């Protein structure tokens, strides 16, 4: 759940950041991909940490 949410929110945030900086469509796509991957990995680590904590 956190992984998918991270991917989506990261992609939206990255695209918005590139558009705000005046990027071309390729720049917007690249920012969206990189931010999506980054936030997806963070969501994966968050999922693993929560799983370890809740299982004891």
C-alpha atoms as a PDB file:
ATOM      1  CA  UNK A   1       0.000   0.000   0.000  1.00  0.00           C
ATOM      2  CA  UNK A   2       2.764   2.431   0.937  1.00  0.00           C
ATOM      3  CA  UNK A   3       4.767   1.442  -2.137  1.00  0.00           C
ATOM      4  CA  UNK A   4       1.948   2.192  -4.553  1.00  0.00           C
ATOM      5  CA  UNK A   5       1.085   5.407  -2.737  1.00  0.00           C
ATOM      6  CA  UNK A   6       4.729   6.459  -2.848  1.00  0.00           C
ATOM      7  CA  UNK A   7       4.943   5.765  -6.564  1.00  0.00           C
ATOM      8  CA  UNK A   8       1.835   7.763  -7.358  1.00  0.00           C
ATOM      9  CA  UNK A   9       2.544  10.698  -5.056  1.00  0.00           C
ATOM     10  CA  UNK A  10       6.179  10.798  -6.135  1.00  0.00           C
ATOM     11  CA  UNK A  11       5.271  10.836  -9.810  1.00  0.00           C
ATOM     12  CA  UNK A  12       2.719  13.594  -9.309  1.00  0.00           C
ATOM     13  CA  UNK A  13       5.113  15.634  -7.186  1.00  0.00           C
ATOM     14  CA  UNK A  14       7.975  15.185  -9.631  1.00  0.00           C
ATOM     15  CA  UNK A  15       5.862  16.182 -12.602  1.00  0.00           C
ATOM     16  CA  UNK A  16       4.584  19.221 -10.759  1.00  0.00           C
ATOM     17  CA  UNK A  17       8.120  20.228  -9.753  1.00  0.00           C
ATOM     18  CA  UNK A  18       9.413  19.982 -13.321  1.00  0.00           C
ATOM     19  CA  UNK A  19       6.439  21.885 -14.710  1.00  0.00           C
ATOM     20  CA  UNK A  20       6.887  24.640 -12.116  1.00  0.00           C
ATOM     21  CA  UNK A  21      10.543  24.966 -13.138  1.00  0.00           C
ATOM     22  CA  UNK A  22       9.518  25.373 -16.778  1.00  0.00           C
ATOM     23  CA  UNK A  23      10.544  21.929 -18.021  1.00  0.00           C
ATOM     24  CA  UNK A  24       9.719  20.454 -21.385  1.00  0.00           C
ATOM     25  CA  UNK A  25       7.583  17.286 -21.593  1.00  0.00           C
ATOM     26  CA  UNK A  26      10.665  15.043 -21.517  1.00  0.00           C
ATOM     27  CA  UNK A  27      11.891  16.811 -18.385  1.00  0.00           C
ATOM     28  CA  UNK A  28       8.496  16.412 -16.742  1.00  0.00           C
ATOM     29  CA  UNK A  29       8.457  12.687 -17.566  1.00  0.00           C
ATOM     30  CA  UNK A  30      11.986  12.199 -16.231  1.00  0.00           C
ATOM     31  CA  UNK A  31      11.252  14.026 -12.969  1.00  0.00           C
ATOM     32  CA  UNK A  32       8.028  12.051 -12.546  1.00  0.00           C
ATOM     33  CA  UNK A  33       9.866   8.756 -13.076  1.00  0.00           C
ATOM     34  CA  UNK A  34      12.740   9.566 -10.731  1.00  0.00           C
ATOM     35  CA  UNK A  35      10.537  10.922  -7.952  1.00  0.00           C
ATOM     36  CA  UNK A  36       8.155   7.976  -8.357  1.00  0.00           C
ATOM     37  CA  UNK A  37      10.980   5.457  -8.030  1.00  0.00           C
ATOM     38  CA  UNK A  38      12.486   7.292  -5.067  1.00  0.00           C
ATOM     39  CA  UNK A  39       9.227   7.541  -3.136  1.00  0.00           C
ATOM     40  CA  UNK A  40       8.341   3.958  -4.063  1.00  0.00           C
ATOM     41  CA  UNK A  41      11.599   2.730  -2.523  1.00  0.00           C
ATOM     42  CA  UNK A  42      10.956   4.837   0.581  1.00  0.00           C
ATOM     43  CA  UNK A  43       7.484   3.301   0.806  1.00  0.00           C
ATOM     44  CA  UNK A  44       9.019  -0.165   0.544  1.00  0.00           C
ATOM     45  CA  UNK A  45      11.394   0.532   3.432  1.00  0.00           C
ATOM     46  CA  UNK A  46       8.538   1.982   5.476  1.00  0.00           C
ATOM     47  CA  UNK A  47       6.513  -1.170   4.833  1.00  0.00           C
ATOM     48  CA  UNK A  48       9.426  -3.382   5.905  1.00  0.00           C
ATOM     49  CA  UNK A  49      10.057  -1.381   9.088  1.00  0.00           C
ATOM     50  CA  UNK A  50       6.389  -1.433  10.066  1.00  0.00           C
ATOM     51  CA  UNK A  51       6.159  -5.151   9.356  1.00  0.00           C
ATOM     52  CA  UNK A  52       9.171  -5.888  11.557  1.00  0.00           C
ATOM     53  CA  UNK A  53       7.863  -3.681  14.362  1.00  0.00           C
ATOM     54  CA  UNK A  54       4.346  -5.118  14.361  1.00  0.00           C
ATOM     55  CA  UNK A  55       5.443  -8.753  14.224  1.00  0.00           C
ATOM     56  CA  UNK A  56       7.753  -8.301  17.192  1.00  0.00           C
END
